[in-house]
Amino acid sequence: MELSCIIPSNTLRRLNPHLFGTQNGELGTRNEGPSRVETRNGERATRNGAEREASLHEAVFDECRRRCWIALHGSMAERTCRTLGEPDFVILADGGRVLLVECKSRTGKLSPAQFALKHHAEKLGHTVHVVRSLEDFLKLL
């Protein structure tokens, strides 16, 4: 059975096209230059510090798609039914790894709810990674 029959979410298809046979042409391109990454919406993020958190989100999505990983993420454009303080990404990576990733701009700070969830997750043996650049994210891998 094809995945698109099981999970009909257009958002999941858009964010994880490699799972559904979606053409990459509609997603934009990634600039492989040493210092900047072009995201789907045309914004740019630097590898060593996100100019905007949204740009960093797109760069992380692009890297997950490139690696054929599943990236679970709530929309930044609208309210979602996610848990207060929940990390931006839950990434199902190869080798059975699960990454919990919170993206922040260079000067962004964790909210009290994010800090509390991160602390509680760490007490349970999980790590919530706070990344401020694509370079930070790539170091996790």
C-alpha atoms as a PDB file:
ATOM      1  CA  MET A   1       0.000   0.000   0.000  1.00  0.00           C
ATOM      2  CA  GLU A   2       1.322   3.436  -0.932  1.00  0.00           C
ATOM      3  CA  LEU A   3       1.961   5.893   1.927  1.00  0.00           C
ATOM      4  CA  SER A   4      -0.120   8.623   0.305  1.00  0.00           C
ATOM      5  CA  CYS A   5      -3.177   6.374   0.711  1.00  0.00           C
ATOM      6  CA  ILE A   6      -2.500   5.966   4.424  1.00  0.00           C
ATOM      7  CA  ILE A   7      -1.510   9.543   5.305  1.00  0.00           C
ATOM      8  CA  PRO A   8      -3.389  11.995   3.060  1.00  0.00           C
ATOM      9  CA  SER A   9      -1.988  15.174   4.600  1.00  0.00           C
ATOM     10  CA  ASN A  10      -0.937  17.715   1.956  1.00  0.00           C
ATOM     11  CA  THR A  11       1.424  19.262   4.482  1.00  0.00           C
ATOM     12  CA  LEU A  12       3.160  15.917   5.071  1.00  0.00           C
ATOM     13  CA  ARG A  13       3.481  15.442   1.301  1.00  0.00           C
ATOM     14  CA  ARG A  14       4.949  18.932   0.872  1.00  0.00           C
ATOM     15  CA  LEU A  15       7.448  18.578   3.711  1.00  0.00           C
ATOM     16  CA  ASN A  16       8.463  14.989   2.921  1.00  0.00           C
ATOM     17  CA  PRO A  17       8.147  14.653  -0.885  1.00  0.00           C
ATOM     18  CA  HIS A  18      10.629  11.783  -0.994  1.00  0.00           C
ATOM     19  CA  LEU A  19       8.016   9.611   0.757  1.00  0.00           C
ATOM     20  CA  PHE A  20       5.268  10.358  -1.749  1.00  0.00           C
ATOM     21  CA  GLY A  21       7.045  10.640  -5.091  1.00  0.00           C
ATOM     22  CA  THR A  22       6.454  14.422  -5.251  1.00  0.00           C
ATOM     23  CA  GLN A  23       8.693  16.249  -7.703  1.00  0.00           C
ATOM     24  CA  ASN A  24      11.387  18.402  -6.111  1.00  0.00           C
ATOM     25  CA  GLY A  25      10.866  21.132  -8.696  1.00  0.00           C
ATOM     26  CA  GLU A  26       7.999  22.610  -6.715  1.00  0.00           C
ATOM     27  CA  LEU A  27      10.068  22.822  -3.552  1.00  0.00           C
ATOM     28  CA  GLY A  28      12.808  25.187  -4.663  1.00  0.00           C
ATOM     29  CA  THR A  29      16.492  24.525  -4.597  1.00  0.00           C
ATOM     30  CA  ARG A  30      19.210  24.421  -2.070  1.00  0.00           C
ATOM     31  CA  ASN A  31      22.328  26.426  -2.734  1.00  0.00           C
ATOM     32  CA  GLU A  32      25.353  24.284  -1.874  1.00  0.00           C
ATOM     33  CA  GLY A  33      27.617  27.277  -1.380  1.00  0.00           C
ATOM     34  CA  PRO A  34      29.801  27.319   1.715  1.00  0.00           C
ATOM     35  CA  SER A  35      28.032  30.020   3.667  1.00  0.00           C
ATOM     36  CA  ARG A  36      24.381  30.415   2.603  1.00  0.00           C
ATOM     37  CA  VAL A  37      21.397  28.160   2.019  1.00  0.00           C
ATOM     38  CA  GLU A  38      18.466  29.168  -0.166  1.00  0.00           C
ATOM     39  CA  THR A  39      15.169  27.845   1.161  1.00  0.00           C
ATOM     40  CA  ARG A  40      11.951  26.968  -0.642  1.00  0.00           C
ATOM     41  CA  ASN A  41      10.447  30.429  -0.085  1.00  0.00           C
ATOM     42  CA  GLY A  42      13.525  32.198  -1.456  1.00  0.00           C
ATOM     43  CA  GLU A  43      14.786  33.432   1.933  1.00  0.00           C
ATOM     44  CA  ARG A  44      18.322  32.741   2.922  1.00  0.00           C
ATOM     45  CA  ALA A  45      19.812  31.322   6.076  1.00  0.00           C
ATOM     46  CA  THR A  46      23.478  31.390   6.928  1.00  0.00           C
ATOM     47  CA  ARG A  47      25.159  28.159   7.898  1.00  0.00           C
ATOM     48  CA  ASN A  48      26.593  29.766  11.034  1.00  0.00           C
ATOM     49  CA  GLY A  49      23.545  31.694  12.263  1.00  0.00           C
ATOM     50  CA  ALA A  50      19.946  32.005  11.116  1.00  0.00           C
ATOM     51  CA  GLU A  51      18.884  35.455  10.039  1.00  0.00           C
ATOM     52  CA  ARG A  52      15.297  34.447  10.785  1.00  0.00           C
ATOM     53  CA  GLU A  53      14.026  31.393  12.577  1.00  0.00           C
ATOM     54  CA  ALA A  54      11.717  30.579   9.641  1.00  0.00           C
ATOM     55  CA  SER A  55      14.745  30.427   7.317  1.00  0.00           C
ATOM     56  CA  LEU A  56      16.433  27.971   9.656  1.00  0.00           C
ATOM     57  CA  HIS A  57      13.287  25.808   9.709  1.00  0.00           C
ATOM     58  CA  GLU A  58      13.352  25.608   5.913  1.00  0.00           C
ATOM     59  CA  ALA A  59      17.059  24.739   5.879  1.00  0.00           C
ATOM     60  CA  VAL A  60      16.479  21.926   8.410  1.00  0.00           C
ATOM     61  CA  PHE A  61      13.549  20.645   6.314  1.00  0.00           C
ATOM     62  CA  ASP A  62      15.722  20.697   3.197  1.00  0.00           C
ATOM     63  CA  GLU A  63      18.439  18.669   4.927  1.00  0.00           C
ATOM     64  CA  CYS A  64      15.901  16.132   6.238  1.00  0.00           C
ATOM     65  CA  ARG A  65      14.412  15.738   2.743  1.00  0.00           C
ATOM     66  CA  ARG A  66      17.889  15.323   1.264  1.00  0.00           C
ATOM     67  CA  ARG A  67      18.534  12.482   3.708  1.00  0.00           C
ATOM     68  CA  CYS A  68      15.044  10.940   3.167  1.00  0.00           C
ATOM     69  CA  TRP A  69      14.143  11.415   6.835  1.00  0.00           C
ATOM     70  CA  ILE A  70      10.656  12.104   8.173  1.00  0.00           C
ATOM     71  CA  ALA A  71      10.392  15.564   9.721  1.00  0.00           C
ATOM     72  CA  LEU A  72       7.348  16.197  11.913  1.00  0.00           C
ATOM     73  CA  HIS A  73       6.740  19.897  12.434  1.00  0.00           C
ATOM     74  CA  GLY A  74       3.921  22.275  13.274  1.00  0.00           C
ATOM     75  CA  SER A  75       3.200  25.225  11.028  1.00  0.00           C
ATOM     76  CA  MET A  76       4.708  28.556  12.028  1.00  0.00           C
ATOM     77  CA  ALA A  77       2.030  30.336   9.981  1.00  0.00           C
ATOM     78  CA  GLU A  78      -1.005  29.153  11.919  1.00  0.00           C
ATOM     79  CA  ARG A  79      -2.058  27.878  15.333  1.00  0.00           C
ATOM     80  CA  THR A  80      -1.650  24.162  15.754  1.00  0.00           C
ATOM     81  CA  CYS A  81      -2.749  21.641  18.352  1.00  0.00           C
ATOM     82  CA  ARG A  82       0.748  20.947  19.564  1.00  0.00           C
ATOM     83  CA  THR A  83       1.872  20.733  23.173  1.00  0.00           C
ATOM     84  CA  LEU A  84       3.010  24.005  24.716  1.00  0.00           C
ATOM     85  CA  GLY A  85       6.818  24.036  24.671  1.00  0.00           C
ATOM     86  CA  GLU A  86       7.083  21.158  22.186  1.00  0.00           C
ATOM     87  CA  PRO A  87      10.272  21.267  20.061  1.00  0.00           C
ATOM     88  CA  ASP A  88       9.923  22.575  16.512  1.00  0.00           C
ATOM     89  CA  PHE A  89      10.946  19.242  14.983  1.00  0.00           C
ATOM     90  CA  VAL A  90      10.621  15.585  15.811  1.00  0.00           C
ATOM     91  CA  ILE A  91      12.848  13.941  13.212  1.00  0.00           C
ATOM     92  CA  LEU A  92      12.748  10.231  12.456  1.00  0.00           C
ATOM     93  CA  ALA A  93      16.257   9.615  11.152  1.00  0.00           C
ATOM     94  CA  ASP A  94      18.047   6.531   9.905  1.00  0.00           C
ATOM     95  CA  GLY A  95      19.308   3.896  12.319  1.00  0.00           C
ATOM     96  CA  GLY A  96      16.262   4.268  14.567  1.00  0.00           C
ATOM     97  CA  ARG A  97      17.370   7.699  15.782  1.00  0.00           C
ATOM     98  CA  VAL A  98      14.807  10.272  16.883  1.00  0.00           C
ATOM     99  CA  LEU A  99      15.964  13.877  17.077  1.00  0.00           C
ATOM    100  CA  LEU A 100      14.115  16.547  19.054  1.00  0.00           C
ATOM    101  CA  VAL A 101      15.157  19.905  17.626  1.00  0.00           C
ATOM    102  CA  GLU A 102      14.243  23.444  18.669  1.00  0.00           C
ATOM    103  CA  CYS A 103      15.311  26.168  16.213  1.00  0.00           C
ATOM    104  CA  LYS A 104      16.188  29.631  17.429  1.00  0.00           C
ATOM    105  CA  SER A 105      17.598  32.703  15.720  1.00  0.00           C
ATOM    106  CA  ARG A 106      21.003  33.965  16.829  1.00  0.00           C
ATOM    107  CA  THR A 107      19.413  35.983  19.626  1.00  0.00           C
ATOM    108  CA  GLY A 108      16.267  33.922  20.265  1.00  0.00           C
ATOM    109  CA  LYS A 109      15.602  32.492  23.717  1.00  0.00           C
ATOM    110  CA  LEU A 110      13.613  29.506  24.889  1.00  0.00           C
ATOM    111  CA  SER A 111      10.207  30.387  26.290  1.00  0.00           C
ATOM    112  CA  PRO A 112       9.498  29.244  29.856  1.00  0.00           C
ATOM    113  CA  ALA A 113       7.363  26.376  28.467  1.00  0.00           C
ATOM    114  CA  GLN A 114      10.155  25.316  26.084  1.00  0.00           C
ATOM    115  CA  PHE A 115      12.739  25.455  28.854  1.00  0.00           C
ATOM    116  CA  ALA A 116      10.511  23.381  31.173  1.00  0.00           C
ATOM    117  CA  LEU A 117       9.827  20.751  28.507  1.00  0.00           C
ATOM    118  CA  LYS A 118      13.526  20.548  27.598  1.00  0.00           C
ATOM    119  CA  HIS A 119      14.467  20.121  31.259  1.00  0.00           C
ATOM    120  CA  HIS A 120      11.812  17.448  31.866  1.00  0.00           C
ATOM    121  CA  ALA A 121      12.772  15.575  28.667  1.00  0.00           C
ATOM    122  CA  GLU A 122      16.398  15.551  29.834  1.00  0.00           C
ATOM    123  CA  LYS A 123      15.331  14.114  33.219  1.00  0.00           C
ATOM    124  CA  LEU A 124      13.697  11.287  31.221  1.00  0.00           C
ATOM    125  CA  GLY A 125      16.912  10.660  29.274  1.00  0.00           C
ATOM    126  CA  HIS A 126      16.039  12.536  26.056  1.00  0.00           C
ATOM    127  CA  THR A 127      17.938  15.427  24.535  1.00  0.00           C
ATOM    128  CA  VAL A 128      16.224  18.458  23.044  1.00  0.00           C
ATOM    129  CA  HIS A 129      18.796  20.049  20.753  1.00  0.00           C
ATOM    130  CA  VAL A 130      18.652  23.835  20.409  1.00  0.00           C
ATOM    131  CA  VAL A 131      20.141  24.882  17.078  1.00  0.00           C
ATOM    132  CA  ARG A 132      20.815  28.424  15.887  1.00  0.00           C
ATOM    133  CA  SER A 133      22.189  27.620  12.445  1.00  0.00           C
ATOM    134  CA  LEU A 134      22.265  24.892   9.833  1.00  0.00           C
ATOM    135  CA  GLU A 135      25.841  24.256  10.930  1.00  0.00           C
ATOM    136  CA  ASP A 136      24.604  23.526  14.483  1.00  0.00           C
ATOM    137  CA  PHE A 137      22.039  21.095  13.053  1.00  0.00           C
ATOM    138  CA  LEU A 138      24.627  19.337  10.870  1.00  0.00           C
ATOM    139  CA  LYS A 139      26.900  18.866  13.904  1.00  0.00           C
ATOM    140  CA  LEU A 140      24.144  16.761  15.537  1.00  0.00           C
ATOM    141  CA  LEU A 141      24.261  14.286  12.706  1.00  0.00           C
END
